[in-house]
Amino acid sequence: MYLKWQTIAAFVAPAIPISALGLPLLVYLPPFYAEEMGLGLGLVGTIFMITRFWDVFTDPVLGIISDKVKTRLGRRRHWIILSVPILMLSVYQVFMPHSPVSGTYLLWWMVLLYVGYTLLSISHMSWAAELSPHYDERSRVQGWREFALFFGMLTVLLLPALVEQIGKASDALKVSAMGWFTIILLPITVAIAVRMVPEHPVPKQPQLGFRRAIKLLWHNQPLQRLLIADLLVGAAPGITGSLYLFFATHVLELAQWESLILLFYFVAGFLSIPGWMQLSYRLEKHRTLAVAMIYASITLALMLLLKPGVLWLSVLSIMLNGFSSGAGAFLLRSMMADVTDHDNLESGVQRTGLYYALLTMTNKISYALAVGFTYPILDWIGFDPSGTNTAQTIEALKYMFIFMPMPLMLLAAIIMWNFPLDSKRQRELRRLIDERDSSN
């Protein structure tokens, strides 16, 4: 049975504030706290890496709990509701700080923010995987969820872009505008999803011992390949995202247009999602992901031709690269739903929350490493974000932005090209699972 478009629209609504929160955490908040709040590149890079690794620890714990704790709302919706007040409070503190701000202040509120963010994102992704058992329908659900994520990014990006064009404004005003957008929209979209979209009942499941649970994870080769690919696919935009504002300001020399240029990047990703969905129906998900990573590497290399101050060429180049950004996340999440079928057949237990916790864990590790390594390297090459830099330093920043992500994306393409869980294998898995559940 395929889902009605009204159901999908209601379900994906919380993805808008999810992405509206996630984008500033990567692109705007690190330079904001490093420069305007005066904490410095090294300290901010360390704090964001620490909080990401803390998030890595909480991911599997919350994933396991979400699989086991069931209420009258199901296994997912009550966690999504719980995340709302946690996020509203922590977003207010992180996005609207009052000077002077210490490293301890940033660390504490970032830790709490990531707890709420993990509750929301893991529960929502797990719920998405459980909405349909069909191979292509999962791509449809995750594709439209990604569409909503991009819509949230585009909308939140309009805020600083409008502030920049209306008049001279501080970074604090831009960041606070993005924070209020999330605070207002989050409870509204969560209420729509929880009210309009039911959860499917889960068949009675056997107890799975700890040692057997770990053994099944350890020997799950499709899971291992998918997590490695996710680590690589996440690290690549993590590097470019953490360097983007510096790249736009000092390499492209288009500081007054930086938010608008980034907006065009996400417009391209937003528009590309239906095309990547259609291609995945023809090539299968894993081959489509590999094609997207190869395309992303080629378009990133073309940025070597950019000249400072040429707005139209910078926008064109960024948009060409942005077309690839619509593919990676939703294809990996859709494939993870197929991997949970593989585990379900072997273990007899539906551990969707745990598996998506592992997926978000590798993604967060990749972003933590991206910020944690790129900012100290910027310090090492002598880059000063608010001062004067030599031509050699600017050239080094340009090469970091272009060449650091490329081998990661190409390696991900190689790993995923012959991924074993294609549509034929997934249909066989679902047949065996349905037969087992019917006999029980």
Protein backbone atom coordinates (compact mmCIF):
# COMPACT_ATOMS: atom_id res chain seq x y z
CA MET A 1 0.00 0.00 0.00
CA TYR A 2 1.42 3.38 -1.04
CA LEU A 3 1.12 6.47 1.12
CA LYS A 4 -1.17 9.39 0.30
CA TRP A 5 0.57 12.68 -0.46
CA GLN A 6 -1.29 14.33 2.46
CA THR A 7 0.23 11.80 4.84
CA ILE A 8 3.73 12.36 3.48
CA ALA A 9 3.31 16.16 3.61
CA ALA A 10 2.22 16.05 7.26
CA PHE A 11 4.97 13.62 8.16
CA VAL A 12 7.83 15.61 6.60
CA ALA A 13 6.74 18.94 8.15
CA PRO A 14 9.10 18.67 11.20
CA ALA A 15 12.02 18.28 8.79
CA ILE A 16 11.75 22.03 8.10
CA PRO A 17 12.81 23.16 11.62
CA ILE A 18 15.22 20.21 11.86
CA SER A 19 17.21 21.54 8.90
CA ALA A 20 16.69 25.16 9.94
CA LEU A 21 18.54 24.23 13.12
CA GLY A 22 21.16 21.95 11.59
CA LEU A 23 22.48 24.37 8.95
CA PRO A 24 23.45 27.22 11.34
CA LEU A 25 25.14 24.71 13.66
CA LEU A 26 27.58 23.93 10.84
CA VAL A 27 27.88 27.16 8.85
CA TYR A 28 27.03 30.17 11.03
CA LEU A 29 27.55 29.36 14.70
CA PRO A 30 31.26 28.33 14.65
CA PRO A 31 32.48 31.58 13.00
CA PHE A 32 29.95 33.60 15.04
CA TYR A 33 31.32 32.33 18.36
CA ALA A 34 34.92 32.45 17.12
CA GLU A 35 34.74 36.06 15.91
CA GLU A 36 31.85 38.08 17.34
CA MET A 37 31.76 36.28 20.69
CA GLY A 38 35.56 36.35 20.81
CA LEU A 39 36.25 32.71 21.73
CA GLY A 40 38.78 32.12 18.90
CA LEU A 41 39.02 29.51 16.16
CA GLY A 42 40.90 26.89 18.19
CA LEU A 43 38.55 26.90 21.21
CA VAL A 44 35.38 26.95 19.10
CA GLY A 45 36.63 24.12 16.90
CA THR A 46 37.42 22.06 20.01
CA ILE A 47 34.03 22.76 21.64
CA PHE A 48 32.07 21.84 18.53
CA MET A 49 34.11 18.66 18.14
CA ILE A 50 33.57 17.72 21.83
CA THR A 51 29.81 18.29 21.62
CA ARG A 52 29.58 16.28 18.42
CA PHE A 53 31.41 13.36 20.05
CA TRP A 54 29.11 13.67 23.09
CA ASP A 55 26.26 13.43 20.61
CA VAL A 56 27.90 10.32 19.17
CA PHE A 57 27.72 8.70 22.62
CA THR A 58 24.05 9.58 23.16
CA ASP A 59 22.93 8.46 19.69
CA PRO A 60 23.00 4.65 20.20
CA VAL A 61 21.70 4.97 23.76
CA LEU A 62 18.67 6.98 22.69
CA GLY A 63 18.24 4.75 19.62
CA ILE A 64 18.03 1.61 21.78
CA ILE A 65 15.64 3.27 24.23
CA SER A 66 13.39 4.47 21.41
CA ASP A 67 13.11 0.89 20.12
CA LYS A 68 12.17 -0.51 23.53
CA VAL A 69 9.89 2.13 25.09
CA LYS A 70 6.36 1.97 23.75
CA THR A 71 3.40 4.18 24.72
CA ARG A 72 -0.13 4.57 23.36
CA LEU A 73 1.39 6.91 20.74
CA GLY A 74 3.72 4.16 19.50
CA ARG A 75 7.52 4.00 19.65
CA ARG A 76 8.49 7.30 17.99
CA ARG A 77 5.98 10.09 18.47
CA HIS A 78 6.34 10.59 22.23
CA TRP A 79 10.11 11.13 21.83
CA ILE A 80 9.48 13.74 19.15
CA ILE A 81 7.09 15.56 21.48
CA LEU A 82 9.63 15.42 24.34
CA SER A 83 12.34 16.95 22.16
CA VAL A 84 10.37 20.16 21.54
CA PRO A 85 10.77 21.94 24.94
CA ILE A 86 14.41 20.82 25.22
CA LEU A 87 15.22 22.29 21.81
CA MET A 88 13.26 25.51 22.29
CA LEU A 89 15.18 26.34 25.49
CA SER A 90 18.63 25.37 24.25
CA VAL A 91 18.19 27.09 20.87
CA TYR A 92 17.27 30.31 22.67
CA GLN A 93 20.43 30.14 24.78
CA VAL A 94 22.78 29.21 21.91
CA PHE A 95 21.37 31.51 19.22
CA MET A 96 20.70 34.52 21.45
CA PRO A 97 23.76 34.72 23.78
CA HIS A 98 24.64 37.85 25.75
CA SER A 99 28.27 38.94 25.94
CA PRO A 100 30.57 38.05 27.53
CA VAL A 101 30.26 34.36 26.65
CA SER A 102 32.58 31.69 28.00
CA GLY A 103 33.60 28.38 26.54
CA THR A 104 31.78 26.65 29.42
CA TYR A 105 28.52 28.42 28.52
CA LEU A 106 28.75 27.33 24.89
CA LEU A 107 29.72 23.76 25.81
CA TRP A 108 26.84 23.27 28.26
CA TRP A 109 24.08 24.59 26.03
CA MET A 110 25.43 22.81 22.96
CA VAL A 111 25.36 19.51 24.87
CA LEU A 112 21.71 20.04 25.84
CA LEU A 113 20.82 21.18 22.33
CA TYR A 114 22.27 18.01 20.84
CA VAL A 115 20.29 15.83 23.26
CA GLY A 116 17.05 17.36 21.99
CA TYR A 117 18.25 17.32 18.39
CA THR A 118 19.12 13.62 18.64
CA LEU A 119 15.74 12.75 20.14
CA LEU A 120 13.99 14.54 17.31
CA SER A 121 16.12 13.46 14.35
CA ILE A 122 16.52 9.76 15.24
CA SER A 123 12.84 9.34 16.07
CA HIS A 124 11.74 11.10 12.89
CA MET A 125 14.09 9.11 10.63
CA SER A 126 13.13 5.81 12.27
CA TRP A 127 9.47 6.65 11.88
CA ALA A 128 10.11 7.41 8.18
CA ALA A 129 11.72 3.99 7.64
CA GLU A 130 8.72 2.26 9.24
CA LEU A 131 6.04 4.06 7.19
CA SER A 132 6.45 1.68 4.23
CA PRO A 133 8.11 -1.71 3.57
CA HIS A 134 8.56 -1.06 -0.18
CA TYR A 135 12.01 -0.38 -1.71
CA ASP A 136 11.06 2.57 -3.96
CA GLU A 137 8.39 3.91 -1.59
CA ARG A 138 11.11 4.34 1.03
CA SER A 139 13.02 6.46 -1.45
CA ARG A 140 9.86 8.48 -2.00
CA VAL A 141 9.36 9.10 1.73
CA GLN A 142 13.01 9.93 2.39
CA GLY A 143 13.20 11.97 -0.82
CA TRP A 144 10.28 14.19 0.18
CA ARG A 145 11.68 14.40 3.71
CA GLU A 146 14.92 15.63 2.13
CA PHE A 147 12.85 18.05 0.04
CA ALA A 148 11.41 19.47 3.29
CA LEU A 149 14.90 19.62 4.80
CA PHE A 150 16.10 21.69 1.86
CA PHE A 151 13.03 23.89 2.10
CA GLY A 152 13.91 24.57 5.73
CA MET A 153 17.49 25.41 4.75
CA LEU A 154 16.33 27.75 2.00
CA THR A 155 13.89 29.50 4.29
CA VAL A 156 16.35 29.98 7.13
CA LEU A 157 18.99 31.16 4.67
CA LEU A 158 16.64 33.87 3.43
CA LEU A 159 16.73 35.46 6.86
CA PRO A 160 20.42 36.51 6.92
CA ALA A 161 20.29 37.20 3.17
CA LEU A 162 17.39 39.62 3.69
CA VAL A 163 19.13 41.19 6.68
CA GLU A 164 22.25 41.70 4.58
CA GLN A 165 20.34 43.43 1.78
CA ILE A 166 18.01 45.54 3.92
CA GLY A 167 20.83 47.22 5.76
CA LYS A 168 24.02 46.77 7.73
CA ALA A 169 23.41 44.23 10.46
CA SER A 170 25.54 42.30 12.91
CA ASP A 171 26.09 38.58 12.81
CA ALA A 172 24.26 38.39 16.14
CA LEU A 173 21.07 39.66 14.50
CA LYS A 174 21.36 37.10 11.68
CA VAL A 175 21.93 34.22 14.08
CA SER A 176 19.08 35.26 16.40
CA ALA A 177 16.68 35.47 13.42
CA MET A 178 17.51 31.87 12.51
CA GLY A 179 17.03 30.79 16.12
CA TRP A 180 13.57 32.37 16.38
CA PHE A 181 12.54 30.69 13.13
CA THR A 182 13.25 27.27 14.68
CA ILE A 183 11.65 28.11 18.04
CA ILE A 184 8.38 29.25 16.41
CA LEU A 185 8.07 26.56 13.73
CA LEU A 186 9.11 23.47 15.74
CA PRO A 187 6.00 23.00 17.94
CA ILE A 188 3.64 23.75 15.03
CA THR A 189 5.11 21.17 12.62
CA VAL A 190 5.50 18.50 15.31
CA ALA A 191 1.83 18.91 16.28
CA ILE A 192 0.78 18.44 12.63
CA ALA A 193 2.86 15.27 12.18
CA VAL A 194 1.90 13.65 15.49
CA ARG A 195 -1.79 14.41 14.98
CA MET A 196 -2.14 13.36 11.32
CA VAL A 197 0.30 10.46 10.83
CA PRO A 198 -0.21 7.17 12.73
CA GLU A 199 2.49 4.64 13.54
CA HIS A 200 2.23 1.08 12.29
CA PRO A 201 1.89 -1.52 15.07
CA VAL A 202 5.00 -3.60 15.69
CA PRO A 203 4.59 -7.41 15.89
CA LYS A 204 5.48 -9.05 19.18
CA GLN A 205 9.24 -9.52 19.22
CA PRO A 206 11.55 -11.89 21.10
CA GLN A 207 14.15 -10.71 23.59
CA LEU A 208 17.56 -10.27 21.99
CA GLY A 209 20.51 -10.84 24.31
CA PHE A 210 23.26 -8.24 24.49
CA ARG A 211 26.01 -10.50 23.12
CA ARG A 212 23.90 -11.67 20.19
CA ALA A 213 22.79 -8.09 19.47
CA ILE A 214 26.40 -6.91 19.27
CA LYS A 215 27.44 -9.94 17.23
CA LEU A 216 24.75 -9.29 14.62
CA LEU A 217 25.87 -5.67 14.32
CA TRP A 218 29.51 -6.66 14.03
CA HIS A 219 28.87 -9.15 11.23
CA ASN A 220 26.38 -7.03 9.29
CA GLN A 221 28.49 -6.20 6.23
CA PRO A 222 25.86 -4.04 4.46
CA LEU A 223 25.64 -1.95 7.63
CA GLN A 224 29.41 -1.51 7.79
CA ARG A 225 29.66 -0.39 4.17
CA LEU A 226 26.77 2.01 4.56
CA LEU A 227 28.21 3.59 7.72
CA ILE A 228 31.64 4.05 6.12
CA ALA A 229 29.99 5.66 3.09
CA ASP A 230 27.93 7.91 5.36
CA LEU A 231 31.07 8.98 7.23
CA LEU A 232 32.73 9.96 3.96
CA VAL A 233 29.66 11.56 2.40
CA GLY A 234 29.09 13.61 5.55
CA ALA A 235 32.70 14.70 5.98
CA ALA A 236 32.89 16.23 2.49
CA PRO A 237 30.15 18.88 2.94
CA GLY A 238 31.27 19.22 6.55
CA ILE A 239 34.62 20.51 5.29
CA THR A 240 33.15 22.85 2.67
CA GLY A 241 30.42 24.01 5.05
CA SER A 242 32.85 24.88 7.85
CA LEU A 243 35.06 26.79 5.40
CA TYR A 244 32.35 28.36 3.26
CA LEU A 245 32.05 31.78 4.93
CA PHE A 246 35.83 32.22 4.87
CA PHE A 247 35.96 31.01 1.26
CA ALA A 248 33.22 33.45 0.16
CA THR A 249 34.80 36.37 2.01
CA HIS A 250 38.52 35.93 1.36
CA VAL A 251 38.74 33.82 -1.84
CA LEU A 252 35.68 34.95 -3.79
CA GLU A 253 35.75 38.42 -2.16
CA LEU A 254 31.96 38.47 -2.08
CA ALA A 255 31.28 38.86 1.65
CA GLN A 256 28.15 40.95 1.09
CA TRP A 257 26.66 38.17 -1.05
CA GLU A 258 27.77 35.13 0.97
CA SER A 259 24.31 34.17 2.27
CA LEU A 260 22.69 34.76 -1.11
CA ILE A 261 25.28 32.56 -2.86
CA LEU A 262 24.71 29.82 -0.29
CA LEU A 263 20.99 30.20 -0.88
CA PHE A 264 21.51 29.38 -4.57
CA TYR A 265 23.47 26.27 -3.54
CA PHE A 266 20.49 24.97 -1.60
CA VAL A 267 18.05 26.02 -4.30
CA ALA A 268 19.98 23.75 -6.67
CA GLY A 269 19.89 20.88 -4.17
CA PHE A 270 16.19 21.49 -3.55
CA LEU A 271 15.38 21.36 -7.27
CA SER A 272 17.54 18.29 -7.88
CA ILE A 273 15.80 15.92 -5.44
CA PRO A 274 12.95 14.75 -7.74
CA GLY A 275 15.56 14.03 -10.44
CA TRP A 276 17.72 11.97 -8.08
CA MET A 277 14.59 10.10 -6.94
CA GLN A 278 13.70 9.22 -10.53
CA LEU A 279 17.28 8.17 -11.26
CA SER A 280 17.30 5.90 -8.20
CA TYR A 281 14.24 4.07 -9.59
CA ARG A 282 16.28 3.29 -12.74
CA LEU A 283 19.84 2.79 -11.44
CA GLU A 284 19.02 1.61 -7.89
CA LYS A 285 19.88 3.71 -4.85
CA HIS A 286 23.54 2.73 -4.41
CA ARG A 287 24.53 3.41 -8.03
CA THR A 288 22.71 6.74 -7.96
CA LEU A 289 24.66 7.73 -4.85
CA ALA A 290 27.95 6.83 -6.56
CA VAL A 291 27.03 8.92 -9.62
CA ALA A 292 26.18 11.88 -7.37
CA MET A 293 29.55 11.70 -5.58
CA ILE A 294 31.50 11.58 -8.86
CA TYR A 295 29.50 14.53 -10.19
CA ALA A 296 30.13 16.48 -6.96
CA SER A 297 33.91 15.94 -7.26
CA ILE A 298 33.96 17.18 -10.86
CA THR A 299 31.95 20.34 -10.12
CA LEU A 300 34.07 21.08 -7.05
CA ALA A 301 37.23 20.92 -9.18
CA LEU A 302 35.70 23.47 -11.57
CA MET A 303 35.87 26.06 -8.76
CA LEU A 304 39.59 26.33 -9.46
CA LEU A 305 38.56 28.55 -12.38
CA LEU A 306 36.77 31.10 -10.19
CA LYS A 307 38.11 34.65 -10.06
CA PRO A 308 37.64 37.02 -7.10
CA GLY A 309 34.67 39.38 -7.27
CA VAL A 310 32.83 37.71 -10.19
CA LEU A 311 29.38 37.15 -8.70
CA TRP A 312 27.57 35.45 -11.59
CA LEU A 313 30.33 32.88 -12.16
CA SER A 314 30.53 32.10 -8.45
CA VAL A 315 26.76 31.59 -8.28
CA LEU A 316 26.83 29.33 -11.36
CA SER A 317 29.69 27.23 -9.97
CA ILE A 318 28.10 26.90 -6.55
CA MET A 319 24.77 25.89 -8.10
CA LEU A 320 26.38 23.25 -10.31
CA ASN A 321 27.94 21.72 -7.22
CA GLY A 322 24.70 22.15 -5.27
CA PHE A 323 22.81 19.81 -7.62
CA SER A 324 24.72 16.91 -6.05
CA SER A 325 23.72 17.87 -2.50
CA GLY A 326 20.18 16.61 -2.96
CA ALA A 327 21.22 12.98 -3.38
CA GLY A 328 23.47 11.72 -0.59
CA ALA A 329 21.43 12.06 2.59
CA PHE A 330 18.06 10.73 1.44
CA LEU A 331 19.59 7.81 -0.49
CA LEU A 332 21.66 6.71 2.51
CA ARG A 333 18.63 6.96 4.81
CA SER A 334 16.50 4.99 2.38
CA MET A 335 19.19 2.30 2.09
CA MET A 336 19.42 2.11 5.88
CA ALA A 337 15.75 1.11 5.95
CA ASP A 338 16.69 -1.83 3.70
CA VAL A 339 19.59 -2.69 6.02
CA THR A 340 17.16 -2.84 8.96
CA ASP A 341 15.20 -5.46 7.00
CA HIS A 342 18.39 -7.51 6.75
CA ASP A 343 18.84 -7.24 10.53
CA ASN A 344 15.16 -7.88 11.22
CA LEU A 345 15.30 -11.21 9.38
CA GLU A 346 18.45 -12.32 11.23
CA SER A 347 17.59 -11.06 14.72
CA GLY A 348 13.80 -11.32 14.72
CA VAL A 349 13.68 -7.78 16.18
CA GLN A 350 12.87 -4.48 14.50
CA ARG A 351 15.78 -2.29 15.66
CA THR A 352 15.14 0.72 13.42
CA GLY A 353 15.95 3.29 16.11
CA LEU A 354 19.34 1.75 16.83
CA TYR A 355 20.27 1.54 13.17
CA TYR A 356 19.33 5.14 12.47
CA ALA A 357 21.18 6.16 15.62
CA LEU A 358 24.29 4.54 14.13
CA LEU A 359 23.67 6.42 10.88
CA THR A 360 23.34 9.79 12.60
CA MET A 361 26.35 8.88 14.75
CA THR A 362 28.66 8.45 11.78
CA ASN A 363 27.27 11.61 10.20
CA LYS A 364 27.97 13.59 13.36
CA ILE A 365 31.46 12.13 13.66
CA SER A 366 32.16 13.29 10.13
CA TYR A 367 30.99 16.83 10.86
CA ALA A 368 32.89 16.90 14.16
CA LEU A 369 36.08 15.86 12.41
CA ALA A 370 35.43 18.41 9.66
CA VAL A 371 35.26 21.34 12.09
CA GLY A 372 37.79 19.87 14.50
CA PHE A 373 40.45 19.45 11.81
CA THR A 374 39.79 22.34 9.43
CA TYR A 375 39.83 25.11 12.04
CA PRO A 376 43.18 24.10 13.56
CA ILE A 377 44.59 23.80 10.01
CA LEU A 378 43.40 27.36 9.38
CA ASP A 379 45.31 28.41 12.49
CA TRP A 380 48.37 26.47 11.26
CA ILE A 381 48.44 28.21 7.85
CA GLY A 382 48.18 31.56 9.62
CA PHE A 383 44.65 32.43 8.52
CA ASP A 384 43.09 35.42 10.33
CA PRO A 385 39.29 35.57 9.78
CA SER A 386 38.98 39.23 10.76
CA GLY A 387 42.39 40.56 9.67
CA THR A 388 44.76 40.72 6.72
CA ASN A 389 46.00 37.51 5.11
CA THR A 390 48.80 36.90 2.63
CA ALA A 391 48.14 35.70 -0.91
CA GLN A 392 49.70 32.35 -0.02
CA THR A 393 47.30 31.92 2.91
CA ILE A 394 44.27 32.72 0.76
CA GLU A 395 45.50 30.26 -1.87
CA ALA A 396 45.88 27.57 0.80
CA LEU A 397 42.31 28.25 1.98
CA LYS A 398 41.08 27.84 -1.61
CA TYR A 399 42.86 24.49 -2.02
CA MET A 400 41.51 23.28 1.33
CA PHE A 401 37.95 24.07 0.24
CA ILE A 402 38.29 22.31 -3.13
CA PHE A 403 40.68 19.39 -2.66
CA MET A 404 40.05 18.14 0.89
CA PRO A 405 36.52 16.81 0.18
CA MET A 406 37.20 15.26 -3.25
CA PRO A 407 38.95 11.99 -2.26
CA LEU A 408 36.32 11.35 0.40
CA MET A 409 33.48 11.54 -2.12
CA LEU A 410 35.26 9.38 -4.69
CA LEU A 411 36.02 6.73 -2.07
CA ALA A 412 32.33 6.71 -1.06
CA ALA A 413 31.39 6.13 -4.72
CA ILE A 414 33.75 3.13 -4.91
CA ILE A 415 32.40 1.61 -1.69
CA MET A 416 28.74 1.92 -2.71
CA TRP A 417 28.95 0.93 -6.39
CA ASN A 418 28.33 -2.79 -5.73
CA PHE A 419 26.27 -2.49 -2.54
CA PRO A 420 24.56 -5.89 -2.00
CA LEU A 421 21.04 -4.80 -0.97
CA ASP A 422 19.37 -3.90 -4.25
CA SER A 423 15.62 -3.89 -4.97
CA LYS A 424 15.50 -7.61 -5.79
CA ARG A 425 17.22 -8.61 -2.54
CA GLN A 426 15.06 -6.22 -0.49
CA ARG A 427 11.84 -7.67 -1.89
CA GLU A 428 13.07 -11.14 -0.94
CA LEU A 429 13.86 -9.94 2.59
CA ARG A 430 10.38 -8.46 2.99
CA ARG A 431 8.77 -11.68 1.74
CA LEU A 432 10.68 -13.75 4.31
CA ILE A 433 9.89 -11.29 7.12
CA ASP A 434 6.18 -11.26 6.27
CA GLU A 435 6.08 -15.07 6.18
CA ARG A 436 7.79 -15.26 9.57
CA ASP A 437 5.48 -12.66 11.15
CA SER A 438 2.39 -14.38 9.71
CA SER A 439 3.40 -17.76 11.12
CA ASN A 440 4.01 -16.17 14.54
